[in-house]
PDB file of N, CA and C in Angstrom:
ATOM      1  N   MET A   1      33.523   0.225  16.544  1.00  0.00           N
ATOM      2  CA  MET A   1      32.353   0.302  17.395  1.00  0.00           C
ATOM      3  C   MET A   1      32.412   1.572  18.256  1.00  0.00           C
ATOM      4  N   THR A   2      33.612   2.002  18.593  1.00  0.00           N
ATOM      5  CA  THR A   2      33.755   3.218  19.400  1.00  0.00           C
ATOM      6  C   THR A   2      33.205   4.428  18.659  1.00  0.00           C
ATOM      7  N   LEU A   3      33.503   4.530  17.365  1.00  0.00           N
ATOM      8  CA  LEU A   3      33.006   5.648  16.572  1.00  0.00           C
ATOM      9  C   LEU A   3      31.472   5.626  16.504  1.00  0.00           C
ATOM     10  N   LEU A   4      30.891   4.446  16.341  1.00  0.00           N
ATOM     11  CA  LEU A   4      29.432   4.320  16.332  1.00  0.00           C
ATOM     12  C   LEU A   4      28.846   4.757  17.671  1.00  0.00           C
ATOM     13  N   ARG A   5      29.457   4.344  18.758  1.00  0.00           N
ATOM     14  CA  ARG A   5      28.961   4.720  20.088  1.00  0.00           C
ATOM     15  C   ARG A   5      29.047   6.222  20.313  1.00  0.00           C
ATOM     16  N   ILE A   6      30.132   6.839  19.859  1.00  0.00           N
ATOM     17  CA  ILE A   6      30.265   8.294  19.976  1.00  0.00           C
ATOM     18  C   ILE A   6      29.181   8.979  19.150  1.00  0.00           C
ATOM     19  N   PHE A   7      28.986   8.502  17.910  1.00  0.00           N
ATOM     20  CA  PHE A   7      27.955   9.068  17.046  1.00  0.00           C
ATOM     21  C   PHE A   7      26.576   8.943  17.678  1.00  0.00           C
ATOM     22  N   LEU A   8      26.254   7.780  18.222  1.00  0.00           N
ATOM     23  CA  LEU A   8      24.951   7.567  18.844  1.00  0.00           C
ATOM     24  C   LEU A   8      24.765   8.454  20.074  1.00  0.00           C
ATOM     25  N   SER A   9      25.813   8.623  20.860  1.00  0.00           N
ATOM     26  CA  SER A   9      25.744   9.483  22.043  1.00  0.00           C
ATOM     27  C   SER A   9      25.515  10.937  21.662  1.00  0.00           C
ATOM     28  N   VAL A  10      26.278  11.423  20.692  1.00  0.00           N
ATOM     29  CA  VAL A  10      26.134  12.805  20.241  1.00  0.00           C
ATOM     30  C   VAL A  10      24.762  13.009  19.590  1.00  0.00           C
ATOM     31  N   SER A  11      24.330  12.041  18.774  1.00  0.00           N
ATOM     32  CA  SER A  11      23.028  12.136  18.115  1.00  0.00           C
ATOM     33  C   SER A  11      21.894  12.173  19.127  1.00  0.00           C
ATOM     34  N   THR A  12      22.000  11.366  20.173  1.00  0.00           N
ATOM     35  CA  THR A  12      20.986  11.370  21.224  1.00  0.00           C
ATOM     36  C   THR A  12      20.905  12.745  21.874  1.00  0.00           C
ATOM     37  N   LEU A  13      22.042  13.303  22.203  1.00  0.00           N
ATOM     38  CA  LEU A  13      22.076  14.629  22.818  1.00  0.00           C
ATOM     39  C   LEU A  13      21.463  15.677  21.890  1.00  0.00           C
ATOM     40  N   ILE A  14      21.833  15.650  20.624  1.00  0.00           N
ATOM     41  CA  ILE A  14      21.315  16.633  19.662  1.00  0.00           C
ATOM     42  C   ILE A  14      19.803  16.516  19.515  1.00  0.00           C
ATOM     43  N   ILE A  15      19.294  15.310  19.322  1.00  0.00           N
ATOM     44  CA  ILE A  15      17.856  15.150  19.087  1.00  0.00           C
ATOM     45  C   ILE A  15      17.053  15.542  20.324  1.00  0.00           C
ATOM     46  N   TYR A  16      17.575  15.275  21.518  1.00  0.00           N
ATOM     47  CA  TYR A  16      16.861  15.688  22.724  1.00  0.00           C
ATOM     48  C   TYR A  16      16.880  17.203  22.897  1.00  0.00           C
ATOM     49  N   VAL A  17      18.006  17.840  22.643  1.00  0.00           N
ATOM     50  CA  VAL A  17      18.098  19.304  22.768  1.00  0.00           C
ATOM     51  C   VAL A  17      17.154  19.969  21.770  1.00  0.00           C
ATOM     52  N   VAL A  18      17.189  19.527  20.513  1.00  0.00           N
ATOM     53  CA  VAL A  18      16.312  20.108  19.497  1.00  0.00           C
ATOM     54  C   VAL A  18      14.851  19.870  19.864  1.00  0.00           C
ATOM     55  N   SER A  19      14.518  18.658  20.304  1.00  0.00           N
ATOM     56  CA  SER A  19      13.129  18.340  20.655  1.00  0.00           C
ATOM     57  C   SER A  19      12.634  19.177  21.826  1.00  0.00           C
ATOM     58  N   ILE A  20      13.452  19.331  22.837  1.00  0.00           N
ATOM     59  CA  ILE A  20      13.062  20.140  24.001  1.00  0.00           C
ATOM     60  C   ILE A  20      12.842  21.592  23.584  1.00  0.00           C
ATOM     61  N   TYR A  21      13.726  22.106  22.730  1.00  0.00           N
ATOM     62  CA  TYR A  21      13.573  23.486  22.254  1.00  0.00           C
ATOM     63  C   TYR A  21      12.273  23.647  21.460  1.00  0.00           C
ATOM     64  N   VAL A  22      12.011  22.716  20.542  1.00  0.00           N
ATOM     65  CA  VAL A  22      10.807  22.808  19.710  1.00  0.00           C
ATOM     66  C   VAL A  22       9.545  22.684  20.565  1.00  0.00           C
ATOM     67  N   ILE A  23       9.544  21.767  21.516  1.00  0.00           N
ATOM     68  CA  ILE A  23       8.381  21.626  22.402  1.00  0.00           C
ATOM     69  C   ILE A  23       8.163  22.904  23.208  1.00  0.00           C
ATOM     70  N   ALA A  24       9.258  23.485  23.693  1.00  0.00           N
ATOM     71  CA  ALA A  24       9.151  24.715  24.496  1.00  0.00           C
ATOM     72  C   ALA A  24       8.664  25.902  23.673  1.00  0.00           C
ATOM     73  N   THR A  25       9.044  25.966  22.389  1.00  0.00           N
ATOM     74  CA  THR A  25       8.694  27.137  21.585  1.00  0.00           C
ATOM     75  C   THR A  25       7.460  26.935  20.707  1.00  0.00           C
ATOM     76  N   LYS A  26       7.205  25.701  20.279  1.00  0.00           N
ATOM     77  CA  LYS A  26       6.099  25.447  19.344  1.00  0.00           C
ATOM     78  C   LYS A  26       4.990  24.577  19.921  1.00  0.00           C
ATOM     79  N   GLY A  27       5.235  23.943  21.065  1.00  0.00           N
ATOM     80  CA  GLY A  27       4.251  23.036  21.638  1.00  0.00           C
ATOM     81  C   GLY A  27       4.530  21.594  21.229  1.00  0.00           C
ATOM     82  N   ILE A  28       3.708  20.693  21.749  1.00  0.00           N
ATOM     83  CA  ILE A  28       3.967  19.268  21.562  1.00  0.00           C
ATOM     84  C   ILE A  28       3.028  18.611  20.546  1.00  0.00           C
ATOM     85  N   ASN A  29       2.302  19.407  19.788  1.00  0.00           N
ATOM     86  CA  ASN A  29       1.329  18.865  18.849  1.00  0.00           C
ATOM     87  C   ASN A  29       1.979  18.429  17.534  1.00  0.00           C
ATOM     88  N   PHE A  30       2.991  17.558  17.630  1.00  0.00           N
ATOM     89  CA  PHE A  30       3.721  17.136  16.436  1.00  0.00           C
ATOM     90  C   PHE A  30       2.893  16.323  15.448  1.00  0.00           C
ATOM     91  N   PRO A  31       1.913  15.502  15.877  1.00  0.00           N
ATOM     92  CA  PRO A  31       1.159  14.751  14.868  1.00  0.00           C
ATOM     93  C   PRO A  31       0.414  15.654  13.885  1.00  0.00           C
ATOM     94  N   ALA A  32      -0.158  16.742  14.367  1.00  0.00           N
ATOM     95  CA  ALA A  32      -0.882  17.654  13.471  1.00  0.00           C
ATOM     96  C   ALA A  32       0.072  18.283  12.456  1.00  0.00           C
ATOM     97  N   VAL A  33       1.266  18.658  12.909  1.00  0.00           N
ATOM     98  CA  VAL A  33       2.248  19.257  12.008  1.00  0.00           C
ATOM     99  C   VAL A  33       2.748  18.211  11.013  1.00  0.00           C
ATOM    100  N   TYR A  34       3.103  17.032  11.512  1.00  0.00           N
ATOM    101  CA  TYR A  34       3.646  15.980  10.651  1.00  0.00           C
ATOM    102  C   TYR A  34       2.637  15.579   9.576  1.00  0.00           C
ATOM    103  N   PHE A  35       1.427  15.220   9.990  1.00  0.00           N
ATOM    104  CA  PHE A  35       0.444  14.752   9.019  1.00  0.00           C
ATOM    105  C   PHE A  35      -0.072  15.887   8.136  1.00  0.00           C
ATOM    106  N   GLY A  36      -0.115  17.109   8.672  1.00  0.00           N
ATOM    107  CA  GLY A  36      -0.474  18.263   7.844  1.00  0.00           C
ATOM    108  C   GLY A  36       0.530  18.467   6.726  1.00  0.00           C
ATOM    109  N   ASP A  37       1.820  18.393   7.076  1.00  0.00           N
ATOM    110  CA  ASP A  37       2.871  18.508   6.059  1.00  0.00           C
ATOM    111  C   ASP A  37       2.827  17.334   5.092  1.00  0.00           C
ATOM    112  N   LEU A  38       2.525  16.147   5.587  1.00  0.00           N
ATOM    113  CA  LEU A  38       2.478  14.953   4.742  1.00  0.00           C
ATOM    114  C   LEU A  38       1.404  15.083   3.664  1.00  0.00           C
ATOM    115  N   LEU A  39       0.286  15.690   3.996  1.00  0.00           N
ATOM    116  CA  LEU A  39      -0.835  15.796   3.058  1.00  0.00           C
ATOM    117  C   LEU A  39      -0.716  16.963   2.077  1.00  0.00           C
ATOM    118  N   LYS A  40       0.267  17.843   2.258  1.00  0.00           N
ATOM    119  CA  LYS A  40       0.429  18.985   1.352  1.00  0.00           C
ATOM    120  C   LYS A  40       1.000  18.590  -0.012  1.00  0.00           C
ATOM    121  N   LEU A  41       1.643  17.441  -0.072  1.00  0.00           N
ATOM    122  CA  LEU A  41       2.269  16.950  -1.303  1.00  0.00           C
ATOM    123  C   LEU A  41       3.264  17.951  -1.888  1.00  0.00           C
ATOM    124  N   ASP A  42       4.227  18.324  -1.035  1.00  0.00           N
ATOM    125  CA  ASP A  42       5.334  19.158  -1.466  1.00  0.00           C
ATOM    126  C   ASP A  42       6.628  18.494  -0.979  1.00  0.00           C
ATOM    127  N   TRP A  43       7.726  19.254  -0.908  1.00  0.00           N
ATOM    128  CA  TRP A  43       8.992  18.643  -0.504  1.00  0.00           C
ATOM    129  C   TRP A  43       8.968  18.149   0.941  1.00  0.00           C
ATOM    130  N   ARG A  44       8.235  18.831   1.813  1.00  0.00           N
ATOM    131  CA  ARG A  44       8.118  18.337   3.190  1.00  0.00           C
ATOM    132  C   ARG A  44       7.384  17.008   3.225  1.00  0.00           C
ATOM    133  N   SER A  45       6.366  16.863   2.392  1.00  0.00           N
ATOM    134  CA  SER A  45       5.645  15.585   2.364  1.00  0.00           C
ATOM    135  C   SER A  45       6.541  14.488   1.793  1.00  0.00           C
ATOM    136  N   GLN A  46       7.404  14.828   0.843  1.00  0.00           N
ATOM    137  CA  GLN A  46       8.349  13.840   0.316  1.00  0.00           C
ATOM    138  C   GLN A  46       9.302  13.408   1.420  1.00  0.00           C
ATOM    139  N   PHE A  47       9.832  14.356   2.173  1.00  0.00           N
ATOM    140  CA  PHE A  47      10.745  14.049   3.271  1.00  0.00           C
ATOM    141  C   PHE A  47      10.036  13.223   4.345  1.00  0.00           C
ATOM    142  N   ASN A  48       8.818  13.626   4.711  1.00  0.00           N
ATOM    143  CA  ASN A  48       8.074  12.908   5.740  1.00  0.00           C
ATOM    144  C   ASN A  48       7.707  11.498   5.299  1.00  0.00           C
ATOM    145  N   THR A  49       7.400  11.311   4.017  1.00  0.00           N
ATOM    146  CA  THR A  49       7.125   9.967   3.496  1.00  0.00           C
ATOM    147  C   THR A  49       8.372   9.110   3.578  1.00  0.00           C
ATOM    148  N   ASP A  50       9.510   9.672   3.200  1.00  0.00           N
ATOM    149  CA  ASP A  50      10.781   8.959   3.284  1.00  0.00           C
ATOM    150  C   ASP A  50      11.084   8.577   4.731  1.00  0.00           C
ATOM    151  N   LEU A  51      10.870   9.510   5.647  1.00  0.00           N
ATOM    152  CA  LEU A  51      11.085   9.256   7.075  1.00  0.00           C
ATOM    153  C   LEU A  51      10.161   8.154   7.577  1.00  0.00           C
ATOM    154  N   LEU A  52       8.905   8.206   7.189  1.00  0.00           N
ATOM    155  CA  LEU A  52       7.933   7.192   7.607  1.00  0.00           C
ATOM    156  C   LEU A  52       8.334   5.799   7.124  1.00  0.00           C
ATOM    157  N   ILE A  53       8.806   5.706   5.894  1.00  0.00           N
ATOM    158  CA  ILE A  53       9.257   4.415   5.356  1.00  0.00           C
ATOM    159  C   ILE A  53      10.467   3.919   6.136  1.00  0.00           C
ATOM    160  N   ALA A  54      11.417   4.801   6.406  1.00  0.00           N
ATOM    161  CA  ALA A  54      12.610   4.410   7.180  1.00  0.00           C
ATOM    162  C   ALA A  54      12.217   3.945   8.575  1.00  0.00           C
ATOM    163  N   LEU A  55      11.304   4.644   9.221  1.00  0.00           N
ATOM    164  CA  LEU A  55      10.866   4.234  10.557  1.00  0.00           C
ATOM    165  C   LEU A  55      10.156   2.885  10.522  1.00  0.00           C
ATOM    166  N   CYS A  56       9.401   2.632   9.473  1.00  0.00           N
ATOM    167  CA  CYS A  56       8.727   1.321   9.346  1.00  0.00           C
ATOM    168  C   CYS A  56       9.735   0.196   9.142  1.00  0.00           C
ATOM    169  N   ILE A  57      10.803   0.467   8.393  1.00  0.00           N
ATOM    170  CA  ILE A  57      11.865  -0.535   8.232  1.00  0.00           C
ATOM    171  C   ILE A  57      12.513  -0.822   9.581  1.00  0.00           C
ATOM    172  N   PHE A  58      12.789   0.230  10.351  1.00  0.00           N
ATOM    173  CA  PHE A  58      13.351   0.032  11.687  1.00  0.00           C
ATOM    174  C   PHE A  58      12.380  -0.703  12.595  1.00  0.00           C
ATOM    175  N   LEU A  59      11.089  -0.399  12.489  1.00  0.00           N
ATOM    176  CA  LEU A  59      10.062  -1.106  13.258  1.00  0.00           C
ATOM    177  C   LEU A  59      10.159  -2.600  13.010  1.00  0.00           C
ATOM    178  N   ILE A  60      10.187  -2.993  11.757  1.00  0.00           N
ATOM    179  CA  ILE A  60      10.257  -4.416  11.400  1.00  0.00           C
ATOM    180  C   ILE A  60      11.557  -5.031  11.908  1.00  0.00           C
ATOM    181  N   TRP A  61      12.675  -4.331  11.724  1.00  0.00           N
ATOM    182  CA  TRP A  61      13.962  -4.872  12.148  1.00  0.00           C
ATOM    183  C   TRP A  61      14.021  -5.060  13.661  1.00  0.00           C
ATOM    184  N   VAL A  62      13.566  -4.067  14.419  1.00  0.00           N
ATOM    185  CA  VAL A  62      13.627  -4.156  15.883  1.00  0.00           C
ATOM    186  C   VAL A  62      12.755  -5.305  16.383  1.00  0.00           C
ATOM    187  N   ILE A  63      11.541  -5.414  15.848  1.00  0.00           N
ATOM    188  CA  ILE A  63      10.659  -6.507  16.268  1.00  0.00           C
ATOM    189  C   ILE A  63      11.296  -7.856  15.946  1.00  0.00           C
ATOM    190  N   TRP A  64      11.860  -7.987  14.743  1.00  0.00           N
ATOM    191  CA  TRP A  64      12.523  -9.239  14.355  1.00  0.00           C
ATOM    192  C   TRP A  64      13.755  -9.489  15.223  1.00  0.00           C
ATOM    193  N   ARG A  65      14.576  -8.428  15.429  1.00  0.00           N
ATOM    194  CA  ARG A  65      15.815  -8.556  16.210  1.00  0.00           C
ATOM    195  C   ARG A  65      15.535  -9.038  17.628  1.00  0.00           C
ATOM    196  N   GLU A  66      14.394  -8.609  18.183  1.00  0.00           N
ATOM    197  CA  GLU A  66      14.021  -8.998  19.542  1.00  0.00           C
ATOM    198  C   GLU A  66      13.245 -10.314  19.579  1.00  0.00           C
ATOM    199  N   GLY A  67      13.050 -10.957  18.432  1.00  0.00           N
ATOM    200  CA  GLY A  67      12.448 -12.280  18.393  1.00  0.00           C
ATOM    201  C   GLY A  67      10.924 -12.290  18.440  1.00  0.00           C
ATOM    202  N   PHE A  68      10.276 -11.250  17.926  1.00  0.00           N
ATOM    203  CA  PHE A  68       8.818 -11.157  17.897  1.00  0.00           C
ATOM    204  C   PHE A  68       8.194 -11.357  19.278  1.00  0.00           C
ATOM    205  N   THR A  69       8.859 -10.799  20.287  1.00  0.00           N
ATOM    206  CA  THR A  69       8.351 -10.862  21.657  1.00  0.00           C
ATOM    207  C   THR A  69       7.572  -9.588  21.966  1.00  0.00           C
ATOM    208  N   ALA A  70       6.918  -9.570  23.119  1.00  0.00           N
ATOM    209  CA  ALA A  70       6.202  -8.366  23.542  1.00  0.00           C
ATOM    210  C   ALA A  70       7.183  -7.194  23.658  1.00  0.00           C
ATOM    211  N   LYS A  71       8.374  -7.466  24.165  1.00  0.00           N
ATOM    212  CA  LYS A  71       9.403  -6.428  24.271  1.00  0.00           C
ATOM    213  C   LYS A  71       9.763  -5.895  22.888  1.00  0.00           C
ATOM    214  N   GLY A  72       9.865  -6.783  21.919  1.00  0.00           N
ATOM    215  CA  GLY A  72      10.180  -6.371  20.560  1.00  0.00           C
ATOM    216  C   GLY A  72       9.106  -5.477  19.959  1.00  0.00           C
ATOM    217  N   PHE A  73       7.835  -5.839  20.185  1.00  0.00           N
ATOM    218  CA  PHE A  73       6.743  -5.018  19.677  1.00  0.00           C
ATOM    219  C   PHE A  73       6.709  -3.664  20.381  1.00  0.00           C
ATOM    220  N   LEU A  74       6.970  -3.641  21.678  1.00  0.00           N
ATOM    221  CA  LEU A  74       7.023  -2.378  22.416  1.00  0.00           C
ATOM    222  C   LEU A  74       8.166  -1.509  21.893  1.00  0.00           C
ATOM    223  N   PHE A  75       9.349  -2.090  21.747  1.00  0.00           N
ATOM    224  CA  PHE A  75      10.496  -1.334  21.249  1.00  0.00           C
ATOM    225  C   PHE A  75      10.251  -0.846  19.825  1.00  0.00           C
ATOM    226  N   GLY A  76       9.646  -1.672  18.985  1.00  0.00           N
ATOM    227  CA  GLY A  76       9.328  -1.260  17.624  1.00  0.00           C
ATOM    228  C   GLY A  76       8.362  -0.096  17.605  1.00  0.00           C
ATOM    229  N   PHE A  77       7.341  -0.160  18.454  1.00  0.00           N
ATOM    230  CA  PHE A  77       6.377   0.936  18.573  1.00  0.00           C
ATOM    231  C   PHE A  77       7.070   2.215  19.044  1.00  0.00           C
ATOM    232  N   LEU A  78       7.931   2.092  20.058  1.00  0.00           N
ATOM    233  CA  LEU A  78       8.642   3.267  20.566  1.00  0.00           C
ATOM    234  C   LEU A  78       9.567   3.853  19.508  1.00  0.00           C
ATOM    235  N   PHE A  79      10.234   2.984  18.746  1.00  0.00           N
ATOM    236  CA  PHE A  79      11.129   3.446  17.679  1.00  0.00           C
ATOM    237  C   PHE A  79      10.328   4.217  16.637  1.00  0.00           C
ATOM    238  N   THR A  80       9.174   3.680  16.255  1.00  0.00           N
ATOM    239  CA  THR A  80       8.355   4.340  15.239  1.00  0.00           C
ATOM    240  C   THR A  80       7.748   5.628  15.773  1.00  0.00           C
ATOM    241  N   SER A  81       7.322   5.635  17.021  1.00  0.00           N
ATOM    242  CA  SER A  81       6.671   6.815  17.602  1.00  0.00           C
ATOM    243  C   SER A  81       7.656   7.923  17.951  1.00  0.00           C
ATOM    244  N   LEU A  82       8.776   7.550  18.523  1.00  0.00           N
ATOM    245  CA  LEU A  82       9.738   8.545  19.006  1.00  0.00           C
ATOM    246  C   LEU A  82      10.926   8.738  18.072  1.00  0.00           C
ATOM    247  N   GLY A  83      11.048   7.907  17.056  1.00  0.00           N
ATOM    248  CA  GLY A  83      12.181   8.012  16.139  1.00  0.00           C
ATOM    249  C   GLY A  83      13.488   7.732  16.859  1.00  0.00           C
ATOM    250  N   PHE A  84      14.479   8.535  16.529  1.00  0.00           N
ATOM    251  CA  PHE A  84      15.793   8.283  17.115  1.00  0.00           C
ATOM    252  C   PHE A  84      15.950   8.845  18.526  1.00  0.00           C
ATOM    253  N   MET A  85      14.897   9.470  19.058  1.00  0.00           N
ATOM    254  CA  MET A  85      14.915   9.793  20.488  1.00  0.00           C
ATOM    255  C   MET A  85      14.924   8.488  21.283  1.00  0.00           C
ATOM    256  N   PHE A  86      14.298   7.458  20.732  1.00  0.00           N
ATOM    257  CA  PHE A  86      14.372   6.118  21.320  1.00  0.00           C
ATOM    258  C   PHE A  86      15.451   5.293  20.631  1.00  0.00           C
ATOM    259  N   GLY A  87      15.567   5.446  19.315  1.00  0.00           N
ATOM    260  CA  GLY A  87      16.455   4.598  18.522  1.00  0.00           C
ATOM    261  C   GLY A  87      17.923   4.705  18.868  1.00  0.00           C
ATOM    262  N   CYS A  88      18.420   5.913  19.053  1.00  0.00           N
ATOM    263  CA  CYS A  88      19.849   6.067  19.378  1.00  0.00           C
ATOM    264  C   CYS A  88      20.202   5.432  20.725  1.00  0.00           C
ATOM    265  N   PRO A  89      19.448   5.716  21.795  1.00  0.00           N
ATOM    266  CA  PRO A  89      19.765   5.031  23.055  1.00  0.00           C
ATOM    267  C   PRO A  89      19.605   3.509  22.955  1.00  0.00           C
ATOM    268  N   TYR A  90      18.589   3.048  22.202  1.00  0.00           N
ATOM    269  CA  TYR A  90      18.396   1.604  22.009  1.00  0.00           C
ATOM    270  C   TYR A  90      19.620   0.988  21.330  1.00  0.00           C
ATOM    271  N   LEU A  91      20.071   1.611  20.260  1.00  0.00           N
ATOM    272  CA  LEU A  91      21.235   1.082  19.541  1.00  0.00           C
ATOM    273  C   LEU A  91      22.509   1.182  20.382  1.00  0.00           C
ATOM    274  N   LEU A  92      22.647   2.268  21.134  1.00  0.00           N
ATOM    275  CA  LEU A  92      23.810   2.409  22.006  1.00  0.00           C
ATOM    276  C   LEU A  92      23.840   1.296  23.045  1.00  0.00           C
ATOM    277  N   TYR A  93      22.702   1.047  23.680  1.00  0.00           N
ATOM    278  CA  TYR A  93      22.606  -0.056  24.640  1.00  0.00           C
ATOM    279  C   TYR A  93      22.903  -1.388  23.961  1.00  0.00           C
ATOM    280  N   ALA A  94      22.369  -1.566  22.749  1.00  0.00           N
ATOM    281  CA  ALA A  94      22.570  -2.827  22.028  1.00  0.00           C
ATOM    282  C   ALA A  94      24.046  -3.063  21.692  1.00  0.00           C
ATOM    283  N   THR A  95      24.825  -1.991  21.450  1.00  0.00           N
ATOM    284  CA  THR A  95      26.252  -2.179  21.170  1.00  0.00           C
ATOM    285  C   THR A  95      26.975  -2.729  22.390  1.00  0.00           C
ATOM    286  N   TYR A  96      26.569  -2.269  23.573  1.00  0.00           N
ATOM    287  CA  TYR A  96      27.191  -2.784  24.795  1.00  0.00           C
ATOM    288  C   TYR A  96      26.715  -4.202  25.104  1.00  0.00           C
ATOM    289  N   LYS A  97      25.438  -4.458  24.892  1.00  0.00           N
ATOM    290  CA  LYS A  97      24.904  -5.794  25.140  1.00  0.00           C
ATOM    291  C   LYS A  97      25.536  -6.810  24.192  1.00  0.00           C
ATOM    292  N   ALA A  98      25.836  -6.384  22.959  1.00  0.00           N
ATOM    293  CA  ALA A  98      26.472  -7.262  21.976  1.00  0.00           C
ATOM    294  C   ALA A  98      27.979  -7.351  22.192  1.00  0.00           C
ATOM    295  N   GLN A  99      28.491  -6.623  23.151  1.00  0.00           N
ATOM    296  CA  GLN A  99      29.915  -6.576  23.476  1.00  0.00           C
ATOM    297  C   GLN A  99      30.761  -6.222  22.252  1.00  0.00           C
ATOM    298  N   GLY A 100      30.220  -5.322  21.430  1.00  0.00           N
ATOM    299  CA  GLY A 100      30.966  -4.837  20.273  1.00  0.00           C
ATOM    300  C   GLY A 100      30.955  -5.761  19.077  1.00  0.00           C
ATOM    301  N   ASP A 101      30.252  -6.876  19.139  1.00  0.00           N
ATOM    302  CA  ASP A 101      30.202  -7.819  18.021  1.00  0.00           C
ATOM    303  C   ASP A 101      29.136  -7.369  17.022  1.00  0.00           C
ATOM    304  N   PRO A 102      29.537  -6.977  15.797  1.00  0.00           N
ATOM    305  CA  PRO A 102      28.570  -6.483  14.823  1.00  0.00           C
ATOM    306  C   PRO A 102      27.491  -7.509  14.466  1.00  0.00           C
ATOM    307  N   LYS A 103      27.856  -8.773  14.406  1.00  0.00           N
ATOM    308  CA  LYS A 103      26.880  -9.815  14.071  1.00  0.00           C
ATOM    309  C   LYS A 103      25.787  -9.874  15.135  1.00  0.00           C
ATOM    310  N   THR A 104      26.179  -9.867  16.385  1.00  0.00           N
ATOM    311  CA  THR A 104      25.212  -9.900  17.484  1.00  0.00           C
ATOM    312  C   THR A 104      24.393  -8.621  17.517  1.00  0.00           C
ATOM    313  N   LEU A 105      25.022  -7.491  17.235  1.00  0.00           N
ATOM    314  CA  LEU A 105      24.312  -6.219  17.208  1.00  0.00           C
ATOM    315  C   LEU A 105      23.201  -6.243  16.160  1.00  0.00           C
ATOM    316  N   LEU A 106      23.503  -6.719  14.974  1.00  0.00           N
ATOM    317  CA  LEU A 106      22.525  -6.707  13.894  1.00  0.00           C
ATOM    318  C   LEU A 106      21.479  -7.807  14.023  1.00  0.00           C
ATOM    319  N   LEU A 107      21.882  -8.979  14.495  1.00  0.00           N
ATOM    320  CA  LEU A 107      20.975 -10.127  14.507  1.00  0.00           C
ATOM    321  C   LEU A 107      20.223 -10.310  15.823  1.00  0.00           C
ATOM    322  N   GLY A 108      20.675  -9.704  16.900  1.00  0.00           N
ATOM    323  CA  GLY A 108      19.994  -9.824  18.179  1.00  0.00           C
ATOM    324  C   GLY A 108      19.853 -11.270  18.626  1.00  0.00           C
ATOM    325  N   VAL A 109      18.633 -11.698  18.894  1.00  0.00           N
ATOM    326  CA  VAL A 109      18.393 -13.059  19.404  1.00  0.00           C
ATOM    327  C   VAL A 109      18.710 -14.121  18.362  1.00  0.00           C
ATOM    328  N   HIS A 110      18.849 -13.727  17.101  1.00  0.00           N
ATOM    329  CA  HIS A 110      19.117 -14.679  16.020  1.00  0.00           C
ATOM    330  C   HIS A 110      20.612 -14.922  15.815  1.00  0.00           C
ATOM    331  N   ALA A 111      21.469 -14.269  16.579  1.00  0.00           N
ATOM    332  CA  ALA A 111      22.913 -14.376  16.407  1.00  0.00           C
ATOM    333  C   ALA A 111      23.459 -15.764  16.700  1.00  0.00           C
ATOM    334  N   ASP A 112      22.799 -16.501  17.588  1.00  0.00           N
ATOM    335  CA  ASP A 112      23.294 -17.819  17.984  1.00  0.00           C
ATOM    336  C   ASP A 112      22.953 -18.907  16.972  1.00  0.00           C
ATOM    337  N   LYS A 113      22.080 -18.611  16.033  1.00  0.00           N
ATOM    338  CA  LYS A 113      21.624 -19.625  15.080  1.00  0.00           C
ATOM    339  C   LYS A 113      22.631 -19.853  13.991  1.00  0.00           C
TER     340      LYS A 113
END
């Protein structure tokens, strides 16, 4: 669990640094760039489609993990909208809340069943 926490911490730092740099140099209009690339039907659109599918899987998992509550839907939306800018801190917090237990980390509110 320590290695996962280190990875999540470093990943959070990297994604925030890269995002801040891109926003400062290119602006914050990421939806136009993302969907523009998605519609070109080239390798970027393949990558973006793959990313979108992965984010949707995480959306479903987070909502389920939180027990289909309002908090779960909010967290799922944030995960899908912000990607791992939200996901890494969420997972890092979840490792501490689960007290390092992988079953509790993966199952969330369903761990007691």
